[in-house]
Amino acid sequence: MKPLSDKQKDILRFIEGYIEEYGYPPSIRDIQNNCDISSTSVVKYNLDRLQEKGLMNRDSEVSRSISLNIDQKTNTIKVPVLGTITAGQPFPLIEDSRWDLDELDMIDLPESFSYIEEKIFALKVAGYSMIDALIGDGDTVILEKTDRARNGEMVAAKINSENETTLKRIYKEGDKTRLQPENPQMDPMYFPSNDVSILGKVVAVWRYLPTGK
């Protein structure tokens, strides 16, 4: 089966989040506007491809008829927690060539993440530089392993010359790359673009809420 395109991944994530928030599926126009797609015909094309892959159902004659083929209550995938990343100053992170899955903690995620299961991993967050993005100390971020990201996306960025990694929004500005915190009390960091590598981009935040006593 042909792998999902980045656009199809974005659409699937948006649909899942929309249903979770509102309790009903988005319209074609909702998907177009929120996934930055040029036209509704492009949305429909990609929805057809997702339906062919068995990831969703849709009646083209009925508005808001999208349903995902996911049973989140019973079906989960296990994702490795590869370590801790700072939402502050850069911090060393173990190289992926040294990851030993047998020695790592695992978390269960909904099966809706299975379309990127082979490229997904989790990191614990330390620090508060991304607090305005609702990511705080102790949270877990879920990342898709990739070396590419659009400006403004949240990534695990490695500073090659220092062999350190940080969680920030990334902006490529000519021969410089800006790593932007989501905390007004913290300044952005600038590095030569050839000194910054992307290890993965954030696709979700996982948080365990304390139970009251």
C-alpha atoms as a PDB file:
ATOM      1  CA  MET A   1       0.000   0.000   0.000  1.00  0.00           C
ATOM      2  CA  LYS A   2       1.301   3.441  -0.920  1.00  0.00           C
ATOM      3  CA  PRO A   3       2.228   5.431   2.230  1.00  0.00           C
ATOM      4  CA  LEU A   4       0.187   8.446   3.248  1.00  0.00           C
ATOM      5  CA  SER A   5       1.291  11.823   1.962  1.00  0.00           C
ATOM      6  CA  ASP A   6       1.985  14.659   4.406  1.00  0.00           C
ATOM      7  CA  LYS A   7      -1.284  16.271   3.322  1.00  0.00           C
ATOM      8  CA  GLN A   8      -3.235  13.088   4.046  1.00  0.00           C
ATOM      9  CA  LYS A   9      -1.589  12.809   7.465  1.00  0.00           C
ATOM     10  CA  ASP A  10      -2.571  16.409   8.237  1.00  0.00           C
ATOM     11  CA  ILE A  11      -6.160  15.748   7.153  1.00  0.00           C
ATOM     12  CA  LEU A  12      -6.429  12.603   9.259  1.00  0.00           C
ATOM     13  CA  ARG A  13      -5.042  14.358  12.342  1.00  0.00           C
ATOM     14  CA  PHE A  14      -7.407  17.298  11.856  1.00  0.00           C
ATOM     15  CA  ILE A  15     -10.474  15.068  11.458  1.00  0.00           C
ATOM     16  CA  GLU A  16      -9.618  13.117  14.595  1.00  0.00           C
ATOM     17  CA  GLY A  17      -9.058  16.273  16.646  1.00  0.00           C
ATOM     18  CA  TYR A  18     -12.211  17.925  15.314  1.00  0.00           C
ATOM     19  CA  ILE A  19     -14.393  14.934  16.181  1.00  0.00           C
ATOM     20  CA  GLU A  20     -12.848  14.737  19.643  1.00  0.00           C
ATOM     21  CA  GLU A  21     -13.518  18.442  20.285  1.00  0.00           C
ATOM     22  CA  TYR A  22     -16.976  18.865  18.751  1.00  0.00           C
ATOM     23  CA  GLY A  23     -18.445  15.371  18.735  1.00  0.00           C
ATOM     24  CA  TYR A  24     -19.190  15.394  15.006  1.00  0.00           C
ATOM     25  CA  PRO A  25     -17.025  15.369  11.847  1.00  0.00           C
ATOM     26  CA  PRO A  26     -15.785  18.465  10.018  1.00  0.00           C
ATOM     27  CA  SER A  27     -17.127  19.680   6.697  1.00  0.00           C
ATOM     28  CA  ILE A  28     -15.087  19.656   3.501  1.00  0.00           C
ATOM     29  CA  ARG A  29     -14.661  23.428   3.887  1.00  0.00           C
ATOM     30  CA  ASP A  30     -13.463  23.015   7.489  1.00  0.00           C
ATOM     31  CA  ILE A  31     -10.760  20.636   6.289  1.00  0.00           C
ATOM     32  CA  GLN A  32      -9.746  22.950   3.447  1.00  0.00           C
ATOM     33  CA  ASN A  33      -9.406  25.994   5.700  1.00  0.00           C
ATOM     34  CA  ASN A  34      -7.631  24.290   8.588  1.00  0.00           C
ATOM     35  CA  CYS A  35      -5.251  22.135   6.547  1.00  0.00           C
ATOM     36  CA  ASP A  36      -4.248  24.963   4.186  1.00  0.00           C
ATOM     37  CA  ILE A  37      -5.514  23.173   1.068  1.00  0.00           C
ATOM     38  CA  SER A  38      -6.039  25.078  -2.172  1.00  0.00           C
ATOM     39  CA  SER A  39      -9.532  23.815  -3.045  1.00  0.00           C
ATOM     40  CA  THR A  40     -12.344  21.541  -1.909  1.00  0.00           C
ATOM     41  CA  SER A  41     -11.661  19.256  -4.878  1.00  0.00           C
ATOM     42  CA  VAL A  42      -8.176  18.570  -3.488  1.00  0.00           C
ATOM     43  CA  VAL A  43      -9.757  17.780  -0.118  1.00  0.00           C
ATOM     44  CA  LYS A  44     -12.192  15.353  -1.753  1.00  0.00           C
ATOM     45  CA  TYR A  45      -9.391  13.661  -3.687  1.00  0.00           C
ATOM     46  CA  ASN A  46      -7.409  13.023  -0.514  1.00  0.00           C
ATOM     47  CA  LEU A  47     -10.485  11.854   1.399  1.00  0.00           C
ATOM     48  CA  ASP A  48     -11.091   9.320  -1.366  1.00  0.00           C
ATOM     49  CA  ARG A  49      -7.511   8.063  -0.997  1.00  0.00           C
ATOM     50  CA  LEU A  50      -7.937   7.745   2.784  1.00  0.00           C
ATOM     51  CA  GLN A  51     -11.159   5.822   2.244  1.00  0.00           C
ATOM     52  CA  GLU A  52      -9.424   3.494  -0.213  1.00  0.00           C
ATOM     53  CA  LYS A  53      -6.827   2.750   2.473  1.00  0.00           C
ATOM     54  CA  GLY A  54      -9.602   1.799   4.890  1.00  0.00           C
ATOM     55  CA  LEU A  55      -8.840   4.621   7.322  1.00  0.00           C
ATOM     56  CA  MET A  56     -12.234   6.318   7.040  1.00  0.00           C
ATOM     57  CA  ASN A  57     -15.699   6.149   5.503  1.00  0.00           C
ATOM     58  CA  ARG A  58     -17.573   8.955   3.780  1.00  0.00           C
ATOM     59  CA  ASP A  59     -20.849   9.343   1.917  1.00  0.00           C
ATOM     60  CA  SER A  60     -20.139  11.947  -0.764  1.00  0.00           C
ATOM     61  CA  GLU A  61     -23.858  12.767  -0.964  1.00  0.00           C
ATOM     62  CA  VAL A  62     -24.195  13.592   2.739  1.00  0.00           C
ATOM     63  CA  SER A  63     -22.631  16.583   4.519  1.00  0.00           C
ATOM     64  CA  ARG A  64     -20.373  15.849   7.509  1.00  0.00           C
ATOM     65  CA  SER A  65     -20.561  12.105   6.895  1.00  0.00           C
ATOM     66  CA  ILE A  66     -16.921  11.280   7.657  1.00  0.00           C
ATOM     67  CA  SER A  67     -16.274   8.511  10.157  1.00  0.00           C
ATOM     68  CA  LEU A  68     -12.865   7.151  11.120  1.00  0.00           C
ATOM     69  CA  ASN A  69     -12.330   3.409  11.219  1.00  0.00           C
ATOM     70  CA  ILE A  70     -10.837   3.529  14.704  1.00  0.00           C
ATOM     71  CA  ASP A  71     -11.939   1.987  17.967  1.00  0.00           C
ATOM     72  CA  GLN A  72      -9.920   4.111  20.364  1.00  0.00           C
ATOM     73  CA  LYS A  73     -11.339   2.379  23.429  1.00  0.00           C
ATOM     74  CA  THR A  74      -9.829  -0.993  22.632  1.00  0.00           C
ATOM     75  CA  ASN A  75      -7.194  -0.586  19.927  1.00  0.00           C
ATOM     76  CA  THR A  76      -3.881   1.006  20.797  1.00  0.00           C
ATOM     77  CA  ILE A  77      -0.299   1.032  19.619  1.00  0.00           C
ATOM     78  CA  LYS A  78       2.798   1.104  21.797  1.00  0.00           C
ATOM     79  CA  VAL A  79       5.191   4.008  21.329  1.00  0.00           C
ATOM     80  CA  PRO A  80       8.676   4.245  22.878  1.00  0.00           C
ATOM     81  CA  VAL A  81       9.548   7.128  25.191  1.00  0.00           C
ATOM     82  CA  LEU A  82      13.086   7.862  24.049  1.00  0.00           C
ATOM     83  CA  GLY A  83      14.120  10.229  26.801  1.00  0.00           C
ATOM     84  CA  THR A  84      13.698  13.813  27.965  1.00  0.00           C
ATOM     85  CA  ILE A  85      13.875  16.959  25.867  1.00  0.00           C
ATOM     86  CA  THR A  86      14.079  20.451  27.275  1.00  0.00           C
ATOM     87  CA  ALA A  87      11.566  23.111  26.417  1.00  0.00           C
ATOM     88  CA  GLY A  88      14.285  25.599  27.290  1.00  0.00           C
ATOM     89  CA  GLN A  89      17.978  25.583  26.513  1.00  0.00           C
ATOM     90  CA  PRO A  90      19.328  22.769  24.299  1.00  0.00           C
ATOM     91  CA  PHE A  91      19.969  19.486  26.064  1.00  0.00           C
ATOM     92  CA  PRO A  92      21.816  16.303  25.020  1.00  0.00           C
ATOM     93  CA  LEU A  93      19.561  13.553  23.669  1.00  0.00           C
ATOM     94  CA  ILE A  94      20.555   9.970  22.999  1.00  0.00           C
ATOM     95  CA  GLU A  95      21.230   9.239  19.331  1.00  0.00           C
ATOM     96  CA  ASP A  96      18.635   7.070  17.596  1.00  0.00           C
ATOM     97  CA  SER A  97      21.351   4.575  16.638  1.00  0.00           C
ATOM     98  CA  ARG A  98      21.685   3.782  20.350  1.00  0.00           C
ATOM     99  CA  TRP A  99      17.980   3.366  21.117  1.00  0.00           C
ATOM    100  CA  ASP A 100      17.267   0.009  22.745  1.00  0.00           C
ATOM    101  CA  LEU A 101      13.507  -0.500  22.636  1.00  0.00           C
ATOM    102  CA  ASP A 102      13.713  -3.333  25.162  1.00  0.00           C
ATOM    103  CA  GLU A 103      15.082  -0.895  27.747  1.00  0.00           C
ATOM    104  CA  LEU A 104      12.690   1.994  27.069  1.00  0.00           C
ATOM    105  CA  ASP A 105       9.379   2.942  28.652  1.00  0.00           C
ATOM    106  CA  MET A 106       6.385   2.592  26.345  1.00  0.00           C
ATOM    107  CA  ILE A 107       3.077   4.443  26.240  1.00  0.00           C
ATOM    108  CA  ASP A 108      -0.193   3.381  24.629  1.00  0.00           C
ATOM    109  CA  LEU A 109      -1.661   5.665  21.974  1.00  0.00           C
ATOM    110  CA  PRO A 110      -4.900   5.396  19.985  1.00  0.00           C
ATOM    111  CA  GLU A 111      -4.665   3.245  16.878  1.00  0.00           C
ATOM    112  CA  SER A 112      -5.322   6.361  14.799  1.00  0.00           C
ATOM    113  CA  PHE A 113      -1.559   6.922  15.005  1.00  0.00           C
ATOM    114  CA  SER A 114      -0.885   3.587  13.301  1.00  0.00           C
ATOM    115  CA  TYR A 115      -0.442   5.226   9.890  1.00  0.00           C
ATOM    116  CA  ILE A 116       2.906   6.574  11.145  1.00  0.00           C
ATOM    117  CA  GLU A 117       3.588   3.834  13.697  1.00  0.00           C
ATOM    118  CA  GLU A 118       7.022   2.987  12.311  1.00  0.00           C
ATOM    119  CA  LYS A 119       8.103   6.638  12.499  1.00  0.00           C
ATOM    120  CA  ILE A 120       6.570   7.740  15.793  1.00  0.00           C
ATOM    121  CA  PHE A 121       8.248   8.246  19.158  1.00  0.00           C
ATOM    122  CA  ALA A 122       7.683  10.137  22.394  1.00  0.00           C
ATOM    123  CA  LEU A 123       9.781  12.443  24.564  1.00  0.00           C
ATOM    124  CA  LYS A 124       9.231  13.736  28.081  1.00  0.00           C
ATOM    125  CA  VAL A 125       9.305  17.525  28.334  1.00  0.00           C
ATOM    126  CA  ALA A 126      11.391  19.409  30.885  1.00  0.00           C
ATOM    127  CA  GLY A 127      10.939  23.155  31.220  1.00  0.00           C
ATOM    128  CA  TYR A 128       8.383  25.828  30.387  1.00  0.00           C
ATOM    129  CA  SER A 129       9.540  27.548  27.205  1.00  0.00           C
ATOM    130  CA  MET A 130       6.553  26.099  25.284  1.00  0.00           C
ATOM    131  CA  ILE A 131       3.951  26.872  27.942  1.00  0.00           C
ATOM    132  CA  ASP A 132       1.889  29.171  25.673  1.00  0.00           C
ATOM    133  CA  ALA A 133       1.493  26.187  23.330  1.00  0.00           C
ATOM    134  CA  LEU A 134       0.008  24.346  26.345  1.00  0.00           C
ATOM    135  CA  ILE A 135       3.091  22.166  26.749  1.00  0.00           C
ATOM    136  CA  GLY A 136       4.512  22.201  30.250  1.00  0.00           C
ATOM    137  CA  ASP A 137       7.092  20.503  32.397  1.00  0.00           C
ATOM    138  CA  GLY A 138       6.311  16.793  32.730  1.00  0.00           C
ATOM    139  CA  ASP A 139       4.161  16.520  29.605  1.00  0.00           C
ATOM    140  CA  THR A 140       4.948  14.017  26.868  1.00  0.00           C
ATOM    141  CA  VAL A 141       5.163  15.078  23.231  1.00  0.00           C
ATOM    142  CA  ILE A 142       4.485  12.632  20.410  1.00  0.00           C
ATOM    143  CA  LEU A 143       6.685  13.158  17.370  1.00  0.00           C
ATOM    144  CA  GLU A 144       6.837  11.867  13.837  1.00  0.00           C
ATOM    145  CA  LYS A 145      10.412  11.131  12.842  1.00  0.00           C
ATOM    146  CA  THR A 146      11.261  13.417   9.929  1.00  0.00           C
ATOM    147  CA  ASP A 147      14.018  15.776   8.866  1.00  0.00           C
ATOM    148  CA  ARG A 148      11.622  18.308   7.329  1.00  0.00           C
ATOM    149  CA  ALA A 149       9.166  20.809   8.753  1.00  0.00           C
ATOM    150  CA  ARG A 150       7.317  23.899   7.624  1.00  0.00           C
ATOM    151  CA  ASN A 151       8.022  27.259   9.224  1.00  0.00           C
ATOM    152  CA  GLY A 152       6.102  27.523  12.474  1.00  0.00           C
ATOM    153  CA  GLU A 153       5.876  23.796  13.142  1.00  0.00           C
ATOM    154  CA  MET A 154       7.018  22.504  16.517  1.00  0.00           C
ATOM    155  CA  VAL A 155      10.050  20.245  16.289  1.00  0.00           C
ATOM    156  CA  ALA A 156      12.779  18.489  18.194  1.00  0.00           C
ATOM    157  CA  ALA A 157      15.733  20.420  16.782  1.00  0.00           C
ATOM    158  CA  LYS A 158      19.315  19.262  17.166  1.00  0.00           C
ATOM    159  CA  ILE A 159      22.158  21.790  17.347  1.00  0.00           C
ATOM    160  CA  ASN A 160      24.798  19.776  15.524  1.00  0.00           C
ATOM    161  CA  SER A 161      27.880  21.654  16.732  1.00  0.00           C
ATOM    162  CA  GLU A 162      26.815  21.201  20.360  1.00  0.00           C
ATOM    163  CA  ASN A 163      25.184  17.761  20.003  1.00  0.00           C
ATOM    164  CA  GLU A 164      22.179  19.070  21.926  1.00  0.00           C
ATOM    165  CA  THR A 165      18.453  19.063  21.266  1.00  0.00           C
ATOM    166  CA  THR A 166      15.588  21.392  22.141  1.00  0.00           C
ATOM    167  CA  LEU A 167      11.823  21.621  21.620  1.00  0.00           C
ATOM    168  CA  LYS A 168      10.871  24.779  19.712  1.00  0.00           C
ATOM    169  CA  ARG A 169       8.981  26.173  16.754  1.00  0.00           C
ATOM    170  CA  ILE A 170      11.299  26.372  13.771  1.00  0.00           C
ATOM    171  CA  TYR A 171      11.662  29.196  11.265  1.00  0.00           C
ATOM    172  CA  LYS A 172      14.196  29.065   8.445  1.00  0.00           C
ATOM    173  CA  GLU A 173      15.272  32.613   7.630  1.00  0.00           C
ATOM    174  CA  GLY A 174      17.857  32.551   4.873  1.00  0.00           C
ATOM    175  CA  ASP A 175      21.160  31.224   6.156  1.00  0.00           C
ATOM    176  CA  LYS A 176      19.878  31.404   9.752  1.00  0.00           C
ATOM    177  CA  THR A 177      17.372  29.244  11.592  1.00  0.00           C
ATOM    178  CA  ARG A 178      15.300  30.691  14.422  1.00  0.00           C
ATOM    179  CA  LEU A 179      14.172  28.376  17.217  1.00  0.00           C
ATOM    180  CA  GLN A 180      11.237  30.171  18.781  1.00  0.00           C
ATOM    181  CA  PRO A 181       9.938  29.462  22.297  1.00  0.00           C
ATOM    182  CA  GLU A 182       6.267  29.854  23.223  1.00  0.00           C
ATOM    183  CA  ASN A 183       6.999  31.855  26.344  1.00  0.00           C
ATOM    184  CA  PRO A 184       7.162  35.678  26.260  1.00  0.00           C
ATOM    185  CA  GLN A 185       9.833  35.662  28.974  1.00  0.00           C
ATOM    186  CA  MET A 186      12.268  33.722  26.786  1.00  0.00           C
ATOM    187  CA  ASP A 187      14.202  34.897  23.750  1.00  0.00           C
ATOM    188  CA  PRO A 188      14.443  33.055  20.431  1.00  0.00           C
ATOM    189  CA  MET A 189      17.673  31.263  19.577  1.00  0.00           C
ATOM    190  CA  TYR A 190      19.452  31.747  16.243  1.00  0.00           C
ATOM    191  CA  PHE A 191      21.843  29.298  14.596  1.00  0.00           C
ATOM    192  CA  PRO A 192      23.359  28.855  11.138  1.00  0.00           C
ATOM    193  CA  SER A 193      20.861  26.777   9.165  1.00  0.00           C
ATOM    194  CA  ASN A 194      23.472  24.133   8.395  1.00  0.00           C
ATOM    195  CA  ASP A 195      24.000  23.677  12.146  1.00  0.00           C
ATOM    196  CA  VAL A 196      20.377  22.687  12.848  1.00  0.00           C
ATOM    197  CA  SER A 197      18.869  19.269  12.144  1.00  0.00           C
ATOM    198  CA  ILE A 198      15.249  18.261  12.649  1.00  0.00           C
ATOM    199  CA  LEU A 199      14.785  14.965  14.495  1.00  0.00           C
ATOM    200  CA  GLY A 200      10.993  14.981  14.430  1.00  0.00           C
ATOM    201  CA  LYS A 201       7.926  17.196  14.438  1.00  0.00           C
ATOM    202  CA  VAL A 202       5.297  17.245  17.155  1.00  0.00           C
ATOM    203  CA  VAL A 203       1.981  15.648  16.211  1.00  0.00           C
ATOM    204  CA  ALA A 204       0.361  15.428  19.659  1.00  0.00           C
ATOM    205  CA  VAL A 205       0.792  16.139  23.361  1.00  0.00           C
ATOM    206  CA  TRP A 206       0.118  13.428  25.936  1.00  0.00           C
ATOM    207  CA  ARG A 207      -0.696  14.403  29.491  1.00  0.00           C
ATOM    208  CA  TYR A 208      -1.721  12.419  32.548  1.00  0.00           C
ATOM    209  CA  LEU A 209      -4.001  14.443  34.792  1.00  0.00           C
ATOM    210  CA  PRO A 210      -3.646  13.978  38.560  1.00  0.00           C
ATOM    211  CA  THR A 211      -6.525  12.208  40.235  1.00  0.00           C
ATOM    212  CA  GLY A 212      -8.283  13.972  43.065  1.00  0.00           C
ATOM    213  CA  LYS A 213      -8.442  12.473  46.518  1.00  0.00           C
END
